[in-house]
Amino acid sequence: METPQKNWHVVYTKPRAEKKTATRLNAIGIEAYCPTVKEIRVWSDRKKKVDKPVLPSMIFVKLEEANRHLVFDVGSVVRYLFWQKIPAVVTEKEIEALRESLSSESAYKKVDFETSKIGKKIDLTAYGFKNEEGTIKSVKGNKCWIVLERLGFIIKLEA
């Protein structure tokens, strides 16, 4: 008898419930992954390192197709992400690439927006993209929008 294949799916969670949802899913036997990055939060009386989810309101779950309904046993799960009317599947290779890019020292570097000029081309290799170049579209405060022409995307970097 053949073992059913497990696939990675993307699950939407309630806002700011990503880490707790992943913990609860792992506790009931569903493999869940919430990609996070360490960030220093500053309050008026202290500083603290916290794990901030990289994908707001989204986590990855690995399970068999027949068991997809089990994620709804956790109250903070909202729904699955769909692509062309079927649940989106993320490959193991993509999950590993995400884990690797978040674990590397250059995953999230600070950007000096003071020297950034609109229309300037920048190399995004240091920010987790392989051999990718982008054009600065706009800079506002501590946010910078970059156009990735080859991929057809606009990304936002924050200082």
C-alpha atoms as a PDB file:
ATOM      1  CA  MET A   1       0.000   0.000   0.000  1.00  0.00           C
ATOM      2  CA  GLU A   2       1.333   3.427  -0.962  1.00  0.00           C
ATOM      3  CA  THR A   3       1.784   6.130   1.665  1.00  0.00           C
ATOM      4  CA  PRO A   4      -0.104   9.349   0.846  1.00  0.00           C
ATOM      5  CA  GLN A   5       2.180  12.253  -0.030  1.00  0.00           C
ATOM      6  CA  LYS A   6       2.417  15.194   2.358  1.00  0.00           C
ATOM      7  CA  ASN A   7       2.512  18.677   0.814  1.00  0.00           C
ATOM      8  CA  TRP A   8       3.228  22.110   2.229  1.00  0.00           C
ATOM      9  CA  HIS A   9       0.221  24.454   2.127  1.00  0.00           C
ATOM     10  CA  VAL A  10      -0.168  28.095   3.143  1.00  0.00           C
ATOM     11  CA  VAL A  11      -2.683  28.825   5.893  1.00  0.00           C
ATOM     12  CA  TYR A  12      -4.057  32.258   6.815  1.00  0.00           C
ATOM     13  CA  THR A  13      -4.329  32.948  10.533  1.00  0.00           C
ATOM     14  CA  LYS A  14      -6.017  35.614  12.593  1.00  0.00           C
ATOM     15  CA  PRO A  15      -3.890  38.786  12.814  1.00  0.00           C
ATOM     16  CA  ARG A  16      -0.834  38.516  15.087  1.00  0.00           C
ATOM     17  CA  ALA A  17      -1.533  34.836  15.841  1.00  0.00           C
ATOM     18  CA  GLU A  18       1.051  33.215  13.553  1.00  0.00           C
ATOM     19  CA  LYS A  19       3.495  31.836  16.148  1.00  0.00           C
ATOM     20  CA  LYS A  20       0.775  30.667  18.531  1.00  0.00           C
ATOM     21  CA  THR A  21      -1.104  28.947  15.693  1.00  0.00           C
ATOM     22  CA  ALA A  22       2.041  27.129  14.544  1.00  0.00           C
ATOM     23  CA  THR A  23       2.720  25.986  18.122  1.00  0.00           C
ATOM     24  CA  ARG A  24      -0.840  24.688  18.525  1.00  0.00           C
ATOM     25  CA  LEU A  25      -0.775  22.874  15.173  1.00  0.00           C
ATOM     26  CA  ASN A  26       2.535  21.208  16.054  1.00  0.00           C
ATOM     27  CA  ALA A  27       1.018  20.171  19.400  1.00  0.00           C
ATOM     28  CA  ILE A  28      -1.816  18.286  17.665  1.00  0.00           C
ATOM     29  CA  GLY A  29       0.604  16.530  15.310  1.00  0.00           C
ATOM     30  CA  ILE A  30       0.467  18.761  12.224  1.00  0.00           C
ATOM     31  CA  GLU A  31       3.873  19.945  11.008  1.00  0.00           C
ATOM     32  CA  ALA A  32       3.717  23.744  10.914  1.00  0.00           C
ATOM     33  CA  TYR A  33       6.373  26.342  10.077  1.00  0.00           C
ATOM     34  CA  CYS A  34       6.151  30.037  10.898  1.00  0.00           C
ATOM     35  CA  PRO A  35       9.154  31.853   9.368  1.00  0.00           C
ATOM     36  CA  THR A  36      10.443  34.509  11.776  1.00  0.00           C
ATOM     37  CA  VAL A  37      13.274  36.982  12.027  1.00  0.00           C
ATOM     38  CA  LYS A  38      14.791  38.456  15.206  1.00  0.00           C
ATOM     39  CA  GLU A  39      14.061  42.133  15.687  1.00  0.00           C
ATOM     40  CA  ILE A  40      14.939  44.524  18.474  1.00  0.00           C
ATOM     41  CA  ARG A  41      11.858  46.288  19.853  1.00  0.00           C
ATOM     42  CA  VAL A  42      12.360  49.471  21.836  1.00  0.00           C
ATOM     43  CA  TRP A  43      10.006  50.672  24.539  1.00  0.00           C
ATOM     44  CA  SER A  44      10.454  53.728  26.723  1.00  0.00           C
ATOM     45  CA  ASP A  45      11.960  51.655  29.542  1.00  0.00           C
ATOM     46  CA  ARG A  46      13.683  48.722  27.783  1.00  0.00           C
ATOM     47  CA  LYS A  47      14.860  46.978  24.633  1.00  0.00           C
ATOM     48  CA  LYS A  48      13.998  43.392  23.803  1.00  0.00           C
ATOM     49  CA  LYS A  49      14.770  40.934  21.000  1.00  0.00           C
ATOM     50  CA  VAL A  50      11.574  39.426  19.619  1.00  0.00           C
ATOM     51  CA  ASP A  51      10.806  36.935  16.855  1.00  0.00           C
ATOM     52  CA  LYS A  52       8.730  38.745  14.238  1.00  0.00           C
ATOM     53  CA  PRO A  53       6.829  36.663  11.644  1.00  0.00           C
ATOM     54  CA  VAL A  54       8.094  37.336   8.119  1.00  0.00           C
ATOM     55  CA  LEU A  55       4.726  36.657   6.474  1.00  0.00           C
ATOM     56  CA  PRO A  56       1.942  38.485   8.314  1.00  0.00           C
ATOM     57  CA  SER A  57      -1.047  36.219   9.096  1.00  0.00           C
ATOM     58  CA  MET A  58       0.469  33.271   7.178  1.00  0.00           C
ATOM     59  CA  ILE A  59       2.122  29.990   8.145  1.00  0.00           C
ATOM     60  CA  PHE A  60       3.024  26.796   6.288  1.00  0.00           C
ATOM     61  CA  VAL A  61       1.569  23.396   7.161  1.00  0.00           C
ATOM     62  CA  LYS A  62       2.691  20.004   5.869  1.00  0.00           C
ATOM     63  CA  LEU A  63       0.020  17.341   5.698  1.00  0.00           C
ATOM     64  CA  GLU A  64      -1.762  14.845   3.496  1.00  0.00           C
ATOM     65  CA  GLU A  65      -4.555  16.071   1.228  1.00  0.00           C
ATOM     66  CA  ALA A  66      -7.137  13.971   3.076  1.00  0.00           C
ATOM     67  CA  ASN A  67      -6.223  15.632   6.395  1.00  0.00           C
ATOM     68  CA  ARG A  68      -6.403  19.261   5.265  1.00  0.00           C
ATOM     69  CA  HIS A  69      -9.533  19.835   7.358  1.00  0.00           C
ATOM     70  CA  LEU A  70      -7.650  19.125  10.624  1.00  0.00           C
ATOM     71  CA  VAL A  71      -6.045  22.599  10.708  1.00  0.00           C
ATOM     72  CA  PHE A  72      -9.452  24.089  11.503  1.00  0.00           C
ATOM     73  CA  ASP A  73      -9.344  22.363  14.906  1.00  0.00           C
ATOM     74  CA  VAL A  74      -7.200  25.353  15.917  1.00  0.00           C
ATOM     75  CA  GLY A  75      -9.440  28.380  16.352  1.00  0.00           C
ATOM     76  CA  SER A  76      -6.974  30.944  14.995  1.00  0.00           C
ATOM     77  CA  VAL A  77      -6.820  29.325  11.523  1.00  0.00           C
ATOM     78  CA  VAL A  78      -8.896  31.318   9.044  1.00  0.00           C
ATOM     79  CA  ARG A  79      -8.491  29.589   5.666  1.00  0.00           C
ATOM     80  CA  TYR A  80      -6.095  28.171   3.093  1.00  0.00           C
ATOM     81  CA  LEU A  81      -4.397  30.247   0.416  1.00  0.00           C
ATOM     82  CA  PHE A  82      -5.700  29.231  -3.011  1.00  0.00           C
ATOM     83  CA  TRP A  83      -4.079  29.480  -6.443  1.00  0.00           C
ATOM     84  CA  GLN A  84      -6.326  29.015  -9.492  1.00  0.00           C
ATOM     85  CA  LYS A  85      -9.156  27.656  -7.334  1.00  0.00           C
ATOM     86  CA  ILE A  86      -7.074  24.916  -5.710  1.00  0.00           C
ATOM     87  CA  PRO A  87      -5.119  25.077  -2.424  1.00  0.00           C
ATOM     88  CA  ALA A  88      -1.655  26.462  -3.089  1.00  0.00           C
ATOM     89  CA  VAL A  89       1.173  23.946  -2.701  1.00  0.00           C
ATOM     90  CA  VAL A  90       4.672  25.056  -1.717  1.00  0.00           C
ATOM     91  CA  THR A  91       7.544  22.740  -2.597  1.00  0.00           C
ATOM     92  CA  GLU A  92       9.994  21.363  -0.046  1.00  0.00           C
ATOM     93  CA  LYS A  93      12.759  23.128  -1.979  1.00  0.00           C
ATOM     94  CA  GLU A  94      11.042  26.510  -1.541  1.00  0.00           C
ATOM     95  CA  ILE A  95      10.566  25.938   2.203  1.00  0.00           C
ATOM     96  CA  GLU A  96      14.235  25.004   2.583  1.00  0.00           C
ATOM     97  CA  ALA A  97      15.300  28.082   0.588  1.00  0.00           C
ATOM     98  CA  LEU A  98      13.182  30.261   2.877  1.00  0.00           C
ATOM     99  CA  ARG A  99      14.662  28.646   6.006  1.00  0.00           C
ATOM    100  CA  GLU A 100      18.183  29.048   4.628  1.00  0.00           C
ATOM    101  CA  SER A 101      17.729  32.695   3.660  1.00  0.00           C
ATOM    102  CA  LEU A 102      16.316  33.555   7.090  1.00  0.00           C
ATOM    103  CA  SER A 103      19.119  31.774   8.910  1.00  0.00           C
ATOM    104  CA  SER A 104      21.912  33.502   6.968  1.00  0.00           C
ATOM    105  CA  GLU A 105      23.547  36.616   8.384  1.00  0.00           C
ATOM    106  CA  SER A 106      22.599  38.673   5.324  1.00  0.00           C
ATOM    107  CA  ALA A 107      18.906  37.818   5.409  1.00  0.00           C
ATOM    108  CA  TYR A 108      17.843  41.214   6.657  1.00  0.00           C
ATOM    109  CA  LYS A 109      20.342  44.024   6.415  1.00  0.00           C
ATOM    110  CA  LYS A 110      19.640  47.591   7.384  1.00  0.00           C
ATOM    111  CA  VAL A 111      19.262  49.960   4.449  1.00  0.00           C
ATOM    112  CA  ASP A 112      20.547  53.526   4.466  1.00  0.00           C
ATOM    113  CA  PHE A 113      17.649  55.393   2.900  1.00  0.00           C
ATOM    114  CA  GLU A 114      19.409  58.751   3.203  1.00  0.00           C
ATOM    115  CA  THR A 115      21.682  57.860   0.267  1.00  0.00           C
ATOM    116  CA  SER A 116      18.960  56.100  -1.755  1.00  0.00           C
ATOM    117  CA  LYS A 117      17.853  57.992  -4.838  1.00  0.00           C
ATOM    118  CA  ILE A 118      14.743  57.304  -6.918  1.00  0.00           C
ATOM    119  CA  GLY A 119      15.672  55.489 -10.126  1.00  0.00           C
ATOM    120  CA  LYS A 120      18.940  54.111  -8.714  1.00  0.00           C
ATOM    121  CA  LYS A 121      19.668  50.431  -9.465  1.00  0.00           C
ATOM    122  CA  ILE A 122      20.631  48.337  -6.447  1.00  0.00           C
ATOM    123  CA  ASP A 123      21.898  44.783  -6.068  1.00  0.00           C
ATOM    124  CA  LEU A 124      19.534  42.691  -3.918  1.00  0.00           C
ATOM    125  CA  THR A 125      21.848  39.701  -3.440  1.00  0.00           C
ATOM    126  CA  ALA A 126      22.591  40.829   0.125  1.00  0.00           C
ATOM    127  CA  TYR A 127      18.852  40.824   0.910  1.00  0.00           C
ATOM    128  CA  GLY A 128      18.141  37.184   0.084  1.00  0.00           C
ATOM    129  CA  PHE A 129      17.713  37.418  -3.707  1.00  0.00           C
ATOM    130  CA  LYS A 130      20.139  35.540  -5.949  1.00  0.00           C
ATOM    131  CA  ASN A 131      21.569  37.629  -8.794  1.00  0.00           C
ATOM    132  CA  GLU A 132      18.652  40.060  -8.665  1.00  0.00           C
ATOM    133  CA  GLU A 133      18.735  43.789  -9.300  1.00  0.00           C
ATOM    134  CA  GLY A 134      16.013  46.312  -8.527  1.00  0.00           C
ATOM    135  CA  THR A 135      15.217  49.948  -9.191  1.00  0.00           C
ATOM    136  CA  ILE A 136      14.218  52.275  -6.353  1.00  0.00           C
ATOM    137  CA  LYS A 137      10.687  53.495  -7.067  1.00  0.00           C
ATOM    138  CA  SER A 138      10.113  55.674  -4.012  1.00  0.00           C
ATOM    139  CA  VAL A 139      11.456  56.466  -0.553  1.00  0.00           C
ATOM    140  CA  LYS A 140       9.240  57.711   2.258  1.00  0.00           C
ATOM    141  CA  GLY A 141      10.489  57.929   5.825  1.00  0.00           C
ATOM    142  CA  ASN A 142      12.001  54.581   6.763  1.00  0.00           C
ATOM    143  CA  LYS A 143      10.383  52.696   3.848  1.00  0.00           C
ATOM    144  CA  CYS A 144      11.745  52.102   0.360  1.00  0.00           C
ATOM    145  CA  TRP A 145       9.829  50.518  -2.555  1.00  0.00           C
ATOM    146  CA  ILE A 146      11.917  48.622  -5.112  1.00  0.00           C
ATOM    147  CA  VAL A 147      10.769  47.397  -8.528  1.00  0.00           C
ATOM    148  CA  LEU A 148      11.973  43.950  -9.612  1.00  0.00           C
ATOM    149  CA  GLU A 149      11.489  44.231 -13.381  1.00  0.00           C
ATOM    150  CA  ARG A 150      12.509  40.644 -14.171  1.00  0.00           C
ATOM    151  CA  LEU A 151      10.003  39.201 -11.696  1.00  0.00           C
ATOM    152  CA  GLY A 152       7.291  41.821 -12.154  1.00  0.00           C
ATOM    153  CA  PHE A 153       7.073  42.645  -8.430  1.00  0.00           C
ATOM    154  CA  ILE A 154       7.445  45.656  -6.172  1.00  0.00           C
ATOM    155  CA  ILE A 155       8.929  44.960  -2.744  1.00  0.00           C
ATOM    156  CA  LYS A 156       9.093  47.179   0.318  1.00  0.00           C
ATOM    157  CA  LEU A 157      12.184  47.447   2.525  1.00  0.00           C
ATOM    158  CA  GLU A 158      12.013  49.026   5.972  1.00  0.00           C
ATOM    159  CA  ALA A 159      14.885  50.460   7.982  1.00  0.00           C
END
